[in-house]
Each structure stands twice: as C-alpha cells, then as structure tokens.
Amino acid sequence: MAKNTENNAFRTVDVDQYSEDNYKEEEVAEPSTHGPSESEISSLLAQNKPLDALKHVLSHAPLGSKDPAAKDASMVVALRVLMAIKASMVEEAVGQLDSEARDVLMKIIYRGFEQPSEGSSAHLLIWHEKVFAVSGVGSVVRVLTDKKK
C-alpha cells in the first residue's frame, strides 16, 4: 500500500454539507406584481403595438406568486398577446428580447401547451421554434427544471 493513502490532508471539502438531508429550499420573497395590467395590454394591442404588449407581459409575469388566480389571469393575457402577433413578426419579436425575457416566454409557451385553447397550439409551436432557435436547448432545460412553477 502506498504511503500517501493514509494522509487525508488533501480533503478540504466537507462533502456532508451537500447531503440531501441538509438541503433547504431558498426562501424567495413574494413578488409585488400580480401580473400584467389587462387594460394596458388592451390599450397597446388597440394601438397596434403588439411587441410593446409582449414586453409588458413578460416583464410583469407573476413568476414567484403563489396565487393561482393571478397566474391564470396572466396566462390568459399572455396568450392573447402571443396570438395577436402575426407569425411573420415572431422572429423579430424574439430577437428584441433579452435572455431572461426569452426564458419567461418559454415558460408561457409550455404552460400554453399544458392548457391549449382553440387554435393556440399551432401558433405556440411557431413561437417555440423561434425562441428555441435563438436560446437553444438551455432555455428549455431552465423551464423544465424550474422549481417556481
């Protein structure tokens, strides 16, 4: 047996701290937003500014909220905005978003897949294709592994 196997001075990392028994969920403060303003979204869509409406929806998404009514209302508004944007404008809209906004958009797309409405699936697939082309598989993985559903 080698002499160095008895020396454990090289073990400086306490691996027991990473045990599942010691794992504690991070406490996240309740966000103050309760979703996008439906009146403001309607106003932006009436002014033919769907890209501004999309940015507003993504920036005011109730991601950490525990209120299911706020999440459902936000989802209805978000789907309305996504359906208002023509398929030819989707690539331009996705290109104007930053990485974080694209991840939020991907969450909305997957939630739309879970609860499809009349004619939404085909349009959501177009959105998914364009967001995936820009963000790659990382965006999908972040959505599927996110604990804040």
C-alpha atoms as a PDB file:
ATOM      1  CA  MET A   1       0.000   0.000   0.000  1.00  0.00           C
ATOM      2  CA  ALA A   2       1.280   3.467  -0.865  1.00  0.00           C
ATOM      3  CA  LYS A   3       2.337   5.862   1.860  1.00  0.00           C
ATOM      4  CA  ASN A   4       0.072   8.697   0.646  1.00  0.00           C
ATOM      5  CA  THR A   5      -3.220   6.805   1.060  1.00  0.00           C
ATOM      6  CA  GLU A   6      -3.237   7.303   4.810  1.00  0.00           C
ATOM      7  CA  ASN A   7      -2.701  11.042   4.531  1.00  0.00           C
ATOM      8  CA  ASN A   8      -6.050  12.846   4.254  1.00  0.00           C
ATOM      9  CA  ALA A   9      -4.794  16.425   4.427  1.00  0.00           C
ATOM     10  CA  PHE A  10      -5.856  16.964   0.811  1.00  0.00           C
ATOM     11  CA  ARG A  11      -9.530  16.542   1.744  1.00  0.00           C
ATOM     12  CA  THR A  12     -10.547  20.113   2.371  1.00  0.00           C
ATOM     13  CA  VAL A  13     -14.145  19.968   1.125  1.00  0.00           C
ATOM     14  CA  ASP A  14     -16.797  18.809   3.574  1.00  0.00           C
ATOM     15  CA  VAL A  15     -18.959  16.617   1.315  1.00  0.00           C
ATOM     16  CA  ASP A  16     -21.501  16.061   4.076  1.00  0.00           C
ATOM     17  CA  GLN A  17     -22.764  19.609   3.616  1.00  0.00           C
ATOM     18  CA  TYR A  18     -24.166  18.573   0.223  1.00  0.00           C
ATOM     19  CA  SER A  19     -26.295  15.744   1.603  1.00  0.00           C
ATOM     20  CA  GLU A  20     -29.983  15.715   0.628  1.00  0.00           C
ATOM     21  CA  ASP A  21     -30.887  15.723   4.322  1.00  0.00           C
ATOM     22  CA  ASN A  22     -29.237  19.133   4.738  1.00  0.00           C
ATOM     23  CA  TYR A  23     -30.866  20.725   1.648  1.00  0.00           C
ATOM     24  CA  LYS A  24     -33.097  23.681   2.391  1.00  0.00           C
ATOM     25  CA  GLU A  25     -35.262  25.416  -0.200  1.00  0.00           C
ATOM     26  CA  GLU A  26     -34.296  29.034  -0.715  1.00  0.00           C
ATOM     27  CA  GLU A  27     -36.793  31.479   0.697  1.00  0.00           C
ATOM     28  CA  VAL A  28     -37.943  33.832  -2.012  1.00  0.00           C
ATOM     29  CA  ALA A  29     -39.807  36.993  -1.140  1.00  0.00           C
ATOM     30  CA  GLU A  30     -43.294  37.212  -2.579  1.00  0.00           C
ATOM     31  CA  PRO A  31     -43.136  39.399  -5.674  1.00  0.00           C
ATOM     32  CA  SER A  32     -45.224  42.534  -5.625  1.00  0.00           C
ATOM     33  CA  THR A  33     -46.513  42.109  -9.169  1.00  0.00           C
ATOM     34  CA  HIS A  34     -49.828  40.424  -9.707  1.00  0.00           C
ATOM     35  CA  GLY A  35     -49.460  40.044 -13.425  1.00  0.00           C
ATOM     36  CA  PRO A  36     -49.738  42.368 -16.373  1.00  0.00           C
ATOM     37  CA  SER A  37     -52.427  45.025 -16.454  1.00  0.00           C
ATOM     38  CA  GLU A  38     -55.175  43.817 -18.776  1.00  0.00           C
ATOM     39  CA  SER A  39     -56.298  47.351 -19.557  1.00  0.00           C
ATOM     40  CA  GLU A  40     -52.769  48.404 -20.526  1.00  0.00           C
ATOM     41  CA  ILE A  41     -52.368  45.313 -22.718  1.00  0.00           C
ATOM     42  CA  SER A  42     -55.702  46.031 -24.420  1.00  0.00           C
ATOM     43  CA  SER A  43     -54.602  49.607 -24.988  1.00  0.00           C
ATOM     44  CA  LEU A  44     -51.277  48.552 -26.523  1.00  0.00           C
ATOM     45  CA  LEU A  45     -52.969  45.997 -28.767  1.00  0.00           C
ATOM     46  CA  ALA A  46     -55.555  48.569 -29.859  1.00  0.00           C
ATOM     47  CA  GLN A  47     -52.711  50.951 -30.773  1.00  0.00           C
ATOM     48  CA  ASN A  48     -51.217  48.139 -32.893  1.00  0.00           C
ATOM     49  CA  LYS A  49     -48.141  47.800 -30.631  1.00  0.00           C
ATOM     50  CA  PRO A  50     -48.056  44.042 -30.007  1.00  0.00           C
ATOM     51  CA  LEU A  51     -44.284  43.980 -29.363  1.00  0.00           C
ATOM     52  CA  ASP A  52     -44.647  46.514 -26.561  1.00  0.00           C
ATOM     53  CA  ALA A  53     -47.533  44.465 -25.180  1.00  0.00           C
ATOM     54  CA  LEU A  54     -45.352  41.348 -25.254  1.00  0.00           C
ATOM     55  CA  LYS A  55     -42.532  43.112 -23.396  1.00  0.00           C
ATOM     56  CA  HIS A  56     -45.027  44.358 -20.804  1.00  0.00           C
ATOM     57  CA  VAL A  57     -46.456  40.863 -20.294  1.00  0.00           C
ATOM     58  CA  LEU A  58     -43.006  39.322 -19.907  1.00  0.00           C
ATOM     59  CA  SER A  59     -41.744  41.972 -17.500  1.00  0.00           C
ATOM     60  CA  HIS A  60     -44.848  41.716 -15.277  1.00  0.00           C
ATOM     61  CA  ALA A  61     -45.254  37.929 -15.229  1.00  0.00           C
ATOM     62  CA  PRO A  62     -46.145  36.648 -11.722  1.00  0.00           C
ATOM     63  CA  LEU A  63     -43.397  34.005 -11.645  1.00  0.00           C
ATOM     64  CA  GLY A  64     -42.938  33.584  -7.894  1.00  0.00           C
ATOM     65  CA  SER A  65     -46.552  34.210  -6.971  1.00  0.00           C
ATOM     66  CA  LYS A  66     -48.474  31.535  -5.121  1.00  0.00           C
ATOM     67  CA  ASP A  67     -51.832  32.959  -6.207  1.00  0.00           C
ATOM     68  CA  PRO A  68     -53.268  30.633  -8.887  1.00  0.00           C
ATOM     69  CA  ALA A  69     -55.902  33.178  -9.916  1.00  0.00           C
ATOM     70  CA  ALA A  70     -53.213  35.766 -10.720  1.00  0.00           C
ATOM     71  CA  LYS A  71     -51.238  33.194 -12.690  1.00  0.00           C
ATOM     72  CA  ASP A  72     -54.305  32.101 -14.672  1.00  0.00           C
ATOM     73  CA  ALA A  73     -55.292  35.693 -15.445  1.00  0.00           C
ATOM     74  CA  SER A  74     -51.725  36.465 -16.519  1.00  0.00           C
ATOM     75  CA  MET A  75     -51.682  33.384 -18.740  1.00  0.00           C
ATOM     76  CA  VAL A  76     -54.899  34.424 -20.497  1.00  0.00           C
ATOM     77  CA  VAL A  77     -53.479  37.887 -21.175  1.00  0.00           C
ATOM     78  CA  ALA A  78     -50.135  36.447 -22.329  1.00  0.00           C
ATOM     79  CA  LEU A  79     -51.807  34.041 -24.751  1.00  0.00           C
ATOM     80  CA  ARG A  80     -53.916  36.884 -26.109  1.00  0.00           C
ATOM     81  CA  VAL A  81     -50.747  38.872 -26.815  1.00  0.00           C
ATOM     82  CA  LEU A  82     -48.970  35.898 -28.403  1.00  0.00           C
ATOM     83  CA  MET A  83     -51.959  35.238 -30.661  1.00  0.00           C
ATOM     84  CA  ALA A  84     -52.096  38.917 -31.655  1.00  0.00           C
ATOM     85  CA  ILE A  85     -48.569  38.816 -33.057  1.00  0.00           C
ATOM     86  CA  LYS A  86     -48.545  37.518 -36.615  1.00  0.00           C
ATOM     87  CA  ALA A  87     -46.384  34.515 -37.475  1.00  0.00           C
ATOM     88  CA  SER A  88     -44.254  36.675 -39.770  1.00  0.00           C
ATOM     89  CA  MET A  89     -43.388  39.003 -36.849  1.00  0.00           C
ATOM     90  CA  VAL A  90     -42.487  36.275 -34.343  1.00  0.00           C
ATOM     91  CA  GLU A  91     -38.803  36.087 -35.266  1.00  0.00           C
ATOM     92  CA  GLU A  92     -38.425  39.875 -34.994  1.00  0.00           C
ATOM     93  CA  ALA A  93     -40.191  39.879 -31.613  1.00  0.00           C
ATOM     94  CA  VAL A  94     -37.982  37.123 -30.218  1.00  0.00           C
ATOM     95  CA  GLY A  95     -34.874  38.904 -31.485  1.00  0.00           C
ATOM     96  CA  GLN A  96     -35.745  42.015 -29.474  1.00  0.00           C
ATOM     97  CA  LEU A  97     -35.945  40.124 -26.166  1.00  0.00           C
ATOM     98  CA  ASP A  98     -33.113  39.523 -23.743  1.00  0.00           C
ATOM     99  CA  SER A  99     -32.220  36.089 -22.391  1.00  0.00           C
ATOM    100  CA  GLU A 100     -34.313  36.374 -19.235  1.00  0.00           C
ATOM    101  CA  ALA A 101     -37.390  37.519 -21.152  1.00  0.00           C
ATOM    102  CA  ARG A 102     -36.996  34.614 -23.587  1.00  0.00           C
ATOM    103  CA  ASP A 103     -36.948  32.188 -20.644  1.00  0.00           C
ATOM    104  CA  VAL A 104     -40.162  33.722 -19.302  1.00  0.00           C
ATOM    105  CA  LEU A 105     -41.649  33.486 -22.788  1.00  0.00           C
ATOM    106  CA  MET A 106     -40.676  29.826 -22.969  1.00  0.00           C
ATOM    107  CA  LYS A 107     -42.441  29.236 -19.623  1.00  0.00           C
ATOM    108  CA  ILE A 108     -45.575  30.835 -21.044  1.00  0.00           C
ATOM    109  CA  ILE A 109     -45.324  28.712 -24.183  1.00  0.00           C
ATOM    110  CA  TYR A 110     -45.040  25.477 -22.202  1.00  0.00           C
ATOM    111  CA  ARG A 111     -47.933  26.486 -19.939  1.00  0.00           C
ATOM    112  CA  GLY A 112     -49.922  27.200 -23.102  1.00  0.00           C
ATOM    113  CA  PHE A 113     -49.132  23.676 -24.288  1.00  0.00           C
ATOM    114  CA  GLU A 114     -50.476  22.327 -20.977  1.00  0.00           C
ATOM    115  CA  GLN A 115     -53.755  24.239 -21.327  1.00  0.00           C
ATOM    116  CA  PRO A 116     -54.409  24.695 -25.044  1.00  0.00           C
ATOM    117  CA  SER A 117     -57.185  26.899 -26.334  1.00  0.00           C
ATOM    118  CA  GLU A 118     -58.830  26.963 -29.737  1.00  0.00           C
ATOM    119  CA  GLY A 119     -56.112  27.329 -32.400  1.00  0.00           C
ATOM    120  CA  SER A 120     -53.325  28.161 -29.959  1.00  0.00           C
ATOM    121  CA  SER A 121     -51.184  25.029 -30.356  1.00  0.00           C
ATOM    122  CA  ALA A 122     -50.011  25.744 -33.914  1.00  0.00           C
ATOM    123  CA  HIS A 123     -49.183  29.349 -33.071  1.00  0.00           C
ATOM    124  CA  LEU A 124     -47.359  28.297 -29.883  1.00  0.00           C
ATOM    125  CA  LEU A 125     -45.294  25.826 -31.904  1.00  0.00           C
ATOM    126  CA  ILE A 126     -44.163  28.701 -34.141  1.00  0.00           C
ATOM    127  CA  TRP A 127     -43.184  30.685 -31.038  1.00  0.00           C
ATOM    128  CA  HIS A 128     -41.372  27.670 -29.580  1.00  0.00           C
ATOM    129  CA  GLU A 129     -39.413  27.139 -32.788  1.00  0.00           C
ATOM    130  CA  LYS A 130     -38.235  30.769 -32.925  1.00  0.00           C
ATOM    131  CA  VAL A 131     -37.333  31.001 -29.223  1.00  0.00           C
ATOM    132  CA  PHE A 132     -35.508  27.665 -29.417  1.00  0.00           C
ATOM    133  CA  ALA A 133     -33.569  28.853 -32.472  1.00  0.00           C
ATOM    134  CA  VAL A 134     -32.279  31.869 -30.527  1.00  0.00           C
ATOM    135  CA  SER A 135     -31.940  30.474 -26.981  1.00  0.00           C
ATOM    136  CA  GLY A 136     -31.102  26.855 -27.707  1.00  0.00           C
ATOM    137  CA  VAL A 137     -31.762  23.858 -25.525  1.00  0.00           C
ATOM    138  CA  GLY A 138     -30.692  25.787 -22.402  1.00  0.00           C
ATOM    139  CA  SER A 139     -33.950  27.702 -22.345  1.00  0.00           C
ATOM    140  CA  VAL A 140     -35.984  24.504 -22.477  1.00  0.00           C
ATOM    141  CA  VAL A 141     -33.926  22.921 -19.703  1.00  0.00           C
ATOM    142  CA  ARG A 142     -34.299  26.008 -17.496  1.00  0.00           C
ATOM    143  CA  VAL A 143     -38.075  25.925 -17.945  1.00  0.00           C
ATOM    144  CA  LEU A 144     -38.422  22.207 -17.275  1.00  0.00           C
ATOM    145  CA  THR A 145     -36.179  22.256 -14.195  1.00  0.00           C
ATOM    146  CA  ASP A 146     -37.531  25.468 -12.672  1.00  0.00           C
ATOM    147  CA  LYS A 147     -38.946  24.917  -9.183  1.00  0.00           C
ATOM    148  CA  LYS A 148     -41.035  28.101  -9.272  1.00  0.00           C
ATOM    149  CA  LYS A 149     -43.962  26.769 -11.295  1.00  0.00           C
END
